[in-house]
């Protein structure tokens, strides 16, 4: 039955590779912006302006959301490339 499935388009793989590269760079930058134990690069951009004992600022919460979103897209690209390779390469 393997011969009946149409070949996977190569533009799909190239699109996933470009998206994976972009999300990898974005994920690296977003992780570097997070506040560490002693403050981090996020304090340079206004993330450390409000220092409350109750929790993190709105900027930190938004940074967390963006990081999770980019991480999900990155993970989806990895899964998509794996599925493409499994279907594109004959067994």
Protein backbone atom coordinates (compact mmCIF):
# COMPACT_ATOMS: atom_id res chain seq x y z
CA UNK A 1 0.00 0.00 0.00
CA UNK A 2 3.01 2.28 0.31
CA UNK A 3 3.12 2.83 -3.45
CA UNK A 4 -0.42 4.27 -3.55
CA UNK A 5 0.32 7.27 -1.32
CA UNK A 6 1.31 10.41 -3.22
CA UNK A 7 4.76 11.86 -2.63
CA UNK A 8 5.01 14.57 0.00
CA UNK A 9 5.69 18.00 -1.50
CA UNK A 10 9.17 19.36 -0.91
CA UNK A 11 7.89 22.92 -0.37
CA UNK A 12 6.28 21.64 2.84
CA UNK A 13 9.65 20.51 4.18
CA UNK A 14 11.35 23.75 3.18
CA UNK A 15 8.59 25.79 4.83
CA UNK A 16 8.96 23.78 8.03
CA UNK A 17 12.75 24.18 7.99
CA UNK A 18 12.49 27.97 7.58
CA UNK A 19 9.84 28.16 10.31
CA UNK A 20 11.98 25.95 12.56
CA UNK A 21 15.00 28.21 12.06
CA UNK A 22 13.00 31.37 12.81
CA UNK A 23 11.35 29.89 15.90
CA UNK A 24 14.70 28.56 17.16
CA UNK A 25 16.23 32.03 17.01
CA UNK A 26 13.13 33.60 18.58
CA UNK A 27 13.04 30.98 21.34
CA UNK A 28 16.70 31.60 22.15
CA UNK A 29 16.12 35.36 22.36
CA UNK A 30 12.97 34.99 24.47
CA UNK A 31 14.70 32.65 26.91
CA UNK A 32 17.61 35.07 27.25
CA UNK A 33 15.15 37.85 28.07
CA UNK A 34 13.76 35.99 31.08
CA UNK A 35 14.76 37.11 34.53
CA UNK A 36 17.20 34.83 36.23
CA UNK A 37 18.13 34.65 39.88
CA UNK A 38 19.85 38.02 39.82
CA UNK A 39 17.71 39.92 37.38
CA UNK A 40 18.43 39.19 33.68
CA UNK A 41 18.25 40.95 30.45
CA UNK A 42 14.53 41.60 30.91
CA UNK A 43 15.32 44.26 33.53
CA UNK A 44 17.01 46.29 30.79
CA UNK A 45 13.75 46.53 28.86
CA UNK A 46 11.45 47.50 31.72
CA UNK A 47 10.71 44.02 33.05
CA UNK A 48 12.36 44.78 36.39
CA UNK A 49 10.71 48.16 36.95
CA UNK A 50 7.93 46.90 39.18
CA UNK A 51 9.37 44.70 41.84
CA UNK A 52 6.57 43.38 43.99
CA UNK A 53 6.77 40.54 46.46
CA UNK A 54 3.46 39.04 45.29
CA UNK A 55 4.54 37.93 41.81
CA UNK A 56 5.94 38.87 38.47
CA UNK A 57 5.06 41.93 36.44
CA UNK A 58 2.81 42.09 33.40
CA UNK A 59 5.86 42.22 31.14
CA UNK A 60 7.18 38.97 32.62
CA UNK A 61 3.80 37.26 32.24
CA UNK A 62 3.58 38.33 28.60
CA UNK A 63 7.16 37.18 28.04
CA UNK A 64 6.20 33.79 29.49
CA UNK A 65 3.19 33.57 27.17
CA UNK A 66 5.24 34.44 24.09
CA UNK A 67 7.91 31.93 25.07
CA UNK A 68 5.35 29.15 25.48
CA UNK A 69 3.66 30.04 22.18
CA UNK A 70 6.92 30.05 20.23
CA UNK A 71 7.91 26.80 21.97
CA UNK A 72 4.67 25.14 20.85
CA UNK A 73 5.22 26.27 17.24
CA UNK A 74 8.83 25.04 17.43
CA UNK A 75 7.68 21.64 18.74
CA UNK A 76 5.01 21.40 16.03
CA UNK A 77 7.69 22.05 13.39
CA UNK A 78 9.82 19.23 14.80
CA UNK A 79 6.85 16.83 14.75
CA UNK A 80 5.89 17.94 11.23
CA UNK A 81 9.40 17.38 9.89
CA UNK A 82 9.53 13.97 11.52
CA UNK A 83 6.22 12.96 9.94
CA UNK A 84 7.31 14.36 6.58
CA UNK A 85 10.52 12.32 6.71
CA UNK A 86 8.61 9.19 7.68
CA UNK A 87 6.17 9.58 4.79
CA UNK A 88 8.62 10.91 2.19
CA UNK A 89 11.37 8.32 2.57
CA UNK A 90 10.31 4.83 1.43
CA UNK A 91 10.85 2.04 3.92
